Amino acid sequence: MKYLFLLAAIVAEVVATSALNASQQFTKLLPSLITIVGYLTSFYLLSLALRSLPIGLVYAVWSGVGIVLTALVGIFLFKQVPDVPAIIGMVLIIVGVLVMNLFSKMAGH
């Protein structure tokens, strides 16, 4: 269940960030409301994940996966194509999150 909370927090954060871009600096009502609700939901779900997972692991996964998913949303919805250094950086983020989850004692291994 703790990882479901974390996954849902990531999805809510990606939705909120995507809506933030669409809100055009909070000048569009619906995307602005989605942004606010999305971030509130994300932080609430993040707090639930923190009940049973260490903060360093939770934040690394939440932010790392969120960065990569948000970049993918940028590609597909906003036509913001990353360059090679950005892609390399995202691959390194994914590798870092995997290393933490698979090998760190923080993850309970």
N, C-alpha and C. Protein backbone atom coordinates (compact mmCIF):
# COMPACT_ATOMS: atom_id res chain seq x y z
N MET A 1 0.82 -1.20 0.00
CA MET A 1 0.00 0.00 0.00
C MET A 1 0.86 1.27 0.00
N LYS A 2 1.98 1.22 0.73
CA LYS A 2 2.85 2.40 0.83
C LYS A 2 3.37 2.83 -0.53
N TYR A 3 3.66 1.85 -1.40
CA TYR A 3 4.15 2.20 -2.73
C TYR A 3 3.02 2.68 -3.64
N LEU A 4 1.79 2.25 -3.37
CA LEU A 4 0.64 2.79 -4.11
C LEU A 4 0.43 4.26 -3.77
N PHE A 5 0.59 4.61 -2.49
CA PHE A 5 0.50 6.01 -2.10
C PHE A 5 1.57 6.83 -2.82
N LEU A 6 2.78 6.29 -2.87
CA LEU A 6 3.88 6.99 -3.52
C LEU A 6 3.62 7.14 -5.02
N LEU A 7 3.16 6.08 -5.66
CA LEU A 7 2.85 6.14 -7.09
C LEU A 7 1.74 7.15 -7.37
N ALA A 8 0.69 7.13 -6.55
CA ALA A 8 -0.41 8.09 -6.74
C ALA A 8 0.08 9.53 -6.50
N ALA A 9 0.98 9.71 -5.53
CA ALA A 9 1.54 11.05 -5.28
C ALA A 9 2.32 11.54 -6.49
N ILE A 10 3.06 10.64 -7.13
CA ILE A 10 3.83 11.00 -8.32
C ILE A 10 2.89 11.39 -9.45
N VAL A 11 1.86 10.60 -9.67
CA VAL A 11 0.90 10.90 -10.75
C VAL A 11 0.23 12.25 -10.49
N ALA A 12 -0.20 12.49 -9.25
CA ALA A 12 -0.85 13.76 -8.92
C ALA A 12 0.09 14.94 -9.15
N GLU A 13 1.36 14.75 -8.81
CA GLU A 13 2.33 15.83 -9.00
C GLU A 13 2.58 16.10 -10.49
N VAL A 14 2.64 15.05 -11.28
CA VAL A 14 2.85 15.22 -12.73
C VAL A 14 1.64 15.91 -13.35
N VAL A 15 0.45 15.52 -12.95
CA VAL A 15 -0.77 16.18 -13.44
C VAL A 15 -0.76 17.65 -13.04
N ALA A 16 -0.42 17.92 -11.78
CA ALA A 16 -0.40 19.31 -11.29
C ALA A 16 0.62 20.15 -12.04
N THR A 17 1.80 19.60 -12.26
CA THR A 17 2.84 20.36 -12.96
C THR A 17 2.46 20.60 -14.41
N SER A 18 1.86 19.60 -15.03
CA SER A 18 1.40 19.76 -16.42
C SER A 18 0.31 20.82 -16.51
N ALA A 19 -0.60 20.81 -15.55
CA ALA A 19 -1.65 21.82 -15.53
C ALA A 19 -1.07 23.20 -15.23
N LEU A 20 -0.03 23.25 -14.42
CA LEU A 20 0.63 24.53 -14.13
C LEU A 20 1.14 25.16 -15.42
N ASN A 21 1.73 24.35 -16.27
CA ASN A 21 2.20 24.86 -17.57
C ASN A 21 1.02 25.35 -18.40
N ALA A 22 -0.07 24.60 -18.39
CA ALA A 22 -1.26 24.98 -19.16
C ALA A 22 -2.01 26.16 -18.56
N SER A 23 -1.78 26.46 -17.28
CA SER A 23 -2.51 27.54 -16.61
C SER A 23 -2.08 28.93 -17.09
N GLN A 24 -0.95 28.98 -17.79
CA GLN A 24 -0.41 30.24 -18.29
C GLN A 24 -0.32 31.28 -17.16
N GLN A 25 0.53 30.93 -16.17
CA GLN A 25 0.77 31.78 -15.00
C GLN A 25 -0.53 32.06 -14.22
N PHE A 26 -1.35 31.04 -14.06
CA PHE A 26 -2.61 31.10 -13.30
C PHE A 26 -3.62 32.07 -13.92
N THR A 27 -3.58 32.23 -15.23
CA THR A 27 -4.57 33.07 -15.90
C THR A 27 -5.72 32.25 -16.47
N LYS A 28 -5.58 30.94 -16.50
CA LYS A 28 -6.64 30.03 -16.97
C LYS A 28 -7.20 29.31 -15.75
N LEU A 29 -8.52 29.41 -15.53
CA LEU A 29 -9.13 28.93 -14.30
C LEU A 29 -9.01 27.41 -14.13
N LEU A 30 -9.45 26.62 -15.09
CA LEU A 30 -9.47 25.17 -14.91
C LEU A 30 -8.07 24.59 -14.70
N PRO A 31 -7.09 24.92 -15.53
CA PRO A 31 -5.75 24.39 -15.25
C PRO A 31 -5.19 24.87 -13.90
N SER A 32 -5.55 26.08 -13.50
CA SER A 32 -5.09 26.59 -12.20
C SER A 32 -5.69 25.77 -11.06
N LEU A 33 -6.96 25.45 -11.15
CA LEU A 33 -7.61 24.63 -10.12
C LEU A 33 -7.03 23.22 -10.10
N ILE A 34 -6.77 22.65 -11.26
CA ILE A 34 -6.16 21.32 -11.34
C ILE A 34 -4.78 21.35 -10.69
N THR A 35 -4.04 22.42 -10.92
CA THR A 35 -2.71 22.55 -10.31
C THR A 35 -2.80 22.54 -8.80
N ILE A 36 -3.68 23.35 -8.25
CA ILE A 36 -3.81 23.46 -6.80
C ILE A 36 -4.26 22.14 -6.18
N VAL A 37 -5.30 21.55 -6.74
CA VAL A 37 -5.81 20.28 -6.22
C VAL A 37 -4.77 19.17 -6.40
N GLY A 38 -4.09 19.18 -7.52
CA GLY A 38 -3.08 18.16 -7.79
C GLY A 38 -1.93 18.20 -6.81
N TYR A 39 -1.42 19.40 -6.52
CA TYR A 39 -0.32 19.51 -5.56
C TYR A 39 -0.78 19.17 -4.14
N LEU A 40 -1.96 19.61 -3.75
CA LEU A 40 -2.47 19.25 -2.42
C LEU A 40 -2.63 17.74 -2.30
N THR A 41 -3.17 17.12 -3.33
CA THR A 41 -3.34 15.66 -3.34
C THR A 41 -1.99 14.97 -3.29
N SER A 42 -1.05 15.45 -4.08
CA SER A 42 0.26 14.83 -4.12
C SER A 42 0.94 14.89 -2.75
N PHE A 43 0.91 16.05 -2.10
CA PHE A 43 1.57 16.16 -0.80
C PHE A 43 0.86 15.33 0.27
N TYR A 44 -0.45 15.24 0.19
CA TYR A 44 -1.17 14.39 1.15
C TYR A 44 -0.76 12.92 0.97
N LEU A 45 -0.77 12.46 -0.28
CA LEU A 45 -0.38 11.07 -0.55
C LEU A 45 1.08 10.82 -0.20
N LEU A 46 1.91 11.81 -0.43
CA LEU A 46 3.32 11.71 -0.05
C LEU A 46 3.44 11.54 1.47
N SER A 47 2.63 12.26 2.22
CA SER A 47 2.67 12.13 3.68
C SER A 47 2.24 10.73 4.11
N LEU A 48 1.32 10.12 3.38
CA LEU A 48 0.90 8.76 3.72
C LEU A 48 2.02 7.76 3.43
N ALA A 49 2.73 7.96 2.34
CA ALA A 49 3.87 7.08 2.03
C ALA A 49 4.96 7.22 3.08
N LEU A 50 5.11 8.42 3.63
CA LEU A 50 6.15 8.66 4.63
C LEU A 50 5.87 7.99 5.98
N ARG A 51 4.66 7.48 6.15
CA ARG A 51 4.35 6.76 7.38
C ARG A 51 5.22 5.51 7.52
N SER A 52 5.56 4.89 6.39
CA SER A 52 6.27 3.61 6.48
C SER A 52 7.52 3.52 5.60
N LEU A 53 7.85 4.59 4.93
CA LEU A 53 9.06 4.61 4.09
C LEU A 53 9.94 5.78 4.52
N PRO A 54 11.26 5.63 4.42
CA PRO A 54 12.15 6.72 4.81
C PRO A 54 12.06 7.92 3.86
N ILE A 55 12.19 9.10 4.44
CA ILE A 55 12.01 10.34 3.69
C ILE A 55 12.99 10.46 2.52
N GLY A 56 14.22 10.05 2.70
CA GLY A 56 15.19 10.16 1.61
C GLY A 56 14.80 9.32 0.41
N LEU A 57 14.35 8.12 0.67
CA LEU A 57 13.92 7.23 -0.42
C LEU A 57 12.66 7.78 -1.08
N VAL A 58 11.69 8.17 -0.28
CA VAL A 58 10.42 8.68 -0.82
C VAL A 58 10.66 9.90 -1.69
N TYR A 59 11.45 10.83 -1.18
CA TYR A 59 11.66 12.06 -1.94
C TYR A 59 12.46 11.80 -3.21
N ALA A 60 13.44 10.91 -3.14
CA ALA A 60 14.23 10.58 -4.34
C ALA A 60 13.35 9.96 -5.42
N VAL A 61 12.50 9.04 -5.03
CA VAL A 61 11.62 8.39 -6.01
C VAL A 61 10.58 9.38 -6.52
N TRP A 62 9.96 10.12 -5.61
CA TRP A 62 8.91 11.07 -6.00
C TRP A 62 9.44 12.12 -6.96
N SER A 63 10.57 12.70 -6.61
CA SER A 63 11.10 13.77 -7.47
C SER A 63 11.72 13.20 -8.74
N GLY A 64 12.46 12.11 -8.64
CA GLY A 64 13.12 11.55 -9.82
C GLY A 64 12.14 11.04 -10.86
N VAL A 65 11.21 10.22 -10.42
CA VAL A 65 10.21 9.70 -11.36
C VAL A 65 9.33 10.84 -11.87
N GLY A 66 9.01 11.78 -10.98
CA GLY A 66 8.22 12.95 -11.39
C GLY A 66 8.90 13.77 -12.47
N ILE A 67 10.22 13.94 -12.35
CA ILE A 67 10.98 14.69 -13.36
C ILE A 67 10.87 14.02 -14.72
N VAL A 68 11.10 12.72 -14.73
CA VAL A 68 11.09 11.99 -16.00
C VAL A 68 9.69 11.96 -16.61
N LEU A 69 8.67 11.69 -15.79
CA LEU A 69 7.30 11.66 -16.33
C LEU A 69 6.86 13.04 -16.81
N THR A 70 7.23 14.08 -16.07
CA THR A 70 6.89 15.43 -16.49
C THR A 70 7.58 15.78 -17.80
N ALA A 71 8.81 15.36 -17.97
CA ALA A 71 9.51 15.58 -19.25
C ALA A 71 8.79 14.85 -20.39
N LEU A 72 8.30 13.65 -20.12
CA LEU A 72 7.55 12.92 -21.15
C LEU A 72 6.24 13.63 -21.50
N VAL A 73 5.57 14.17 -20.49
CA VAL A 73 4.36 14.97 -20.75
C VAL A 73 4.73 16.18 -21.60
N GLY A 74 5.84 16.82 -21.27
CA GLY A 74 6.30 17.97 -22.06
C GLY A 74 6.53 17.60 -23.51
N ILE A 75 7.08 16.42 -23.74
CA ILE A 75 7.32 15.96 -25.11
C ILE A 75 6.00 15.78 -25.86
N PHE A 76 5.08 15.04 -25.25
CA PHE A 76 3.86 14.63 -25.96
C PHE A 76 2.77 15.70 -25.97
N LEU A 77 2.64 16.48 -24.90
CA LEU A 77 1.56 17.47 -24.86
C LEU A 77 1.99 18.87 -25.28
N PHE A 78 3.23 19.21 -24.97
CA PHE A 78 3.68 20.58 -25.20
C PHE A 78 4.77 20.70 -26.26
N LYS A 79 5.09 19.58 -26.90
CA LYS A 79 6.09 19.56 -27.99
C LYS A 79 7.44 20.13 -27.55
N GLN A 80 7.83 19.85 -26.31
CA GLN A 80 9.10 20.31 -25.75
C GLN A 80 10.09 19.14 -25.80
N VAL A 81 10.82 19.05 -26.89
CA VAL A 81 11.72 17.92 -27.10
C VAL A 81 13.05 18.14 -26.39
N PRO A 82 13.43 17.20 -25.51
CA PRO A 82 14.71 17.35 -24.81
C PRO A 82 15.89 17.08 -25.73
N ASP A 83 17.01 17.74 -25.44
CA ASP A 83 18.22 17.49 -26.21
C ASP A 83 18.98 16.32 -25.57
N VAL A 84 20.10 15.96 -26.18
CA VAL A 84 20.88 14.80 -25.71
C VAL A 84 21.31 14.94 -24.25
N PRO A 85 21.86 16.08 -23.81
CA PRO A 85 22.23 16.17 -22.39
C PRO A 85 21.03 15.99 -21.45
N ALA A 86 19.87 16.48 -21.83
CA ALA A 86 18.67 16.30 -21.00
C ALA A 86 18.29 14.83 -20.92
N ILE A 87 18.37 14.14 -22.04
CA ILE A 87 18.05 12.71 -22.05
C ILE A 87 19.04 11.93 -21.19
N ILE A 88 20.32 12.25 -21.32
CA ILE A 88 21.34 11.59 -20.49
C ILE A 88 21.05 11.85 -19.01
N GLY A 89 20.71 13.08 -18.68
CA GLY A 89 20.39 13.41 -17.29
C GLY A 89 19.21 12.61 -16.77
N MET A 90 18.17 12.47 -17.59
CA MET A 90 17.00 11.70 -17.16
C MET A 90 17.33 10.22 -16.99
N VAL A 91 18.18 9.69 -17.86
CA VAL A 91 18.62 8.30 -17.71
C VAL A 91 19.38 8.13 -16.40
N LEU A 92 20.24 9.09 -16.08
CA LEU A 92 20.99 9.04 -14.83
C LEU A 92 20.06 9.12 -13.62
N ILE A 93 19.01 9.91 -13.72
CA ILE A 93 18.03 10.00 -12.63
C ILE A 93 17.36 8.64 -12.43
N ILE A 94 16.94 8.02 -13.51
CA ILE A 94 16.29 6.71 -13.42
C ILE A 94 17.25 5.68 -12.81
N VAL A 95 18.49 5.70 -13.27
CA VAL A 95 19.50 4.78 -12.72
C VAL A 95 19.67 5.03 -11.22
N GLY A 96 19.74 6.28 -10.82
CA GLY A 96 19.89 6.61 -9.40
C GLY A 96 18.73 6.11 -8.56
N VAL A 97 17.51 6.28 -9.05
CA VAL A 97 16.34 5.81 -8.33
C VAL A 97 16.36 4.28 -8.24
N LEU A 98 16.74 3.62 -9.32
CA LEU A 98 16.82 2.15 -9.31
C LEU A 98 17.88 1.67 -8.32
N VAL A 99 19.04 2.31 -8.33
CA VAL A 99 20.11 1.91 -7.40
C VAL A 99 19.63 2.06 -5.96
N MET A 100 18.99 3.17 -5.65
CA MET A 100 18.48 3.36 -4.28
C MET A 100 17.49 2.28 -3.90
N ASN A 101 16.57 1.97 -4.81
CA ASN A 101 15.53 1.00 -4.49
C ASN A 101 16.04 -0.44 -4.46
N LEU A 102 16.99 -0.75 -5.30
CA LEU A 102 17.45 -2.14 -5.38
C LEU A 102 18.58 -2.48 -4.41
N PHE A 103 19.42 -1.51 -4.09
CA PHE A 103 20.62 -1.82 -3.33
C PHE A 103 20.77 -1.10 -2.00
N SER A 104 20.01 -0.05 -1.78
CA SER A 104 20.17 0.72 -0.54
C SER A 104 19.47 0.04 0.63
N LYS A 105 20.09 0.09 1.79
CA LYS A 105 19.45 -0.40 3.00
C LYS A 105 18.27 0.48 3.37
N MET A 106 18.26 1.69 2.83
CA MET A 106 17.14 2.61 3.06
C MET A 106 15.82 2.02 2.59
N ALA A 107 15.91 1.22 1.51
CA ALA A 107 14.69 0.64 0.93
C ALA A 107 14.24 -0.60 1.67
N GLY A 108 14.94 -0.96 2.71
CA GLY A 108 14.53 -2.10 3.52
C GLY A 108 15.14 -3.41 3.08
N HIS A 109 16.21 -3.36 2.29
CA HIS A 109 16.87 -4.60 1.83
C HIS A 109 17.95 -5.01 2.79
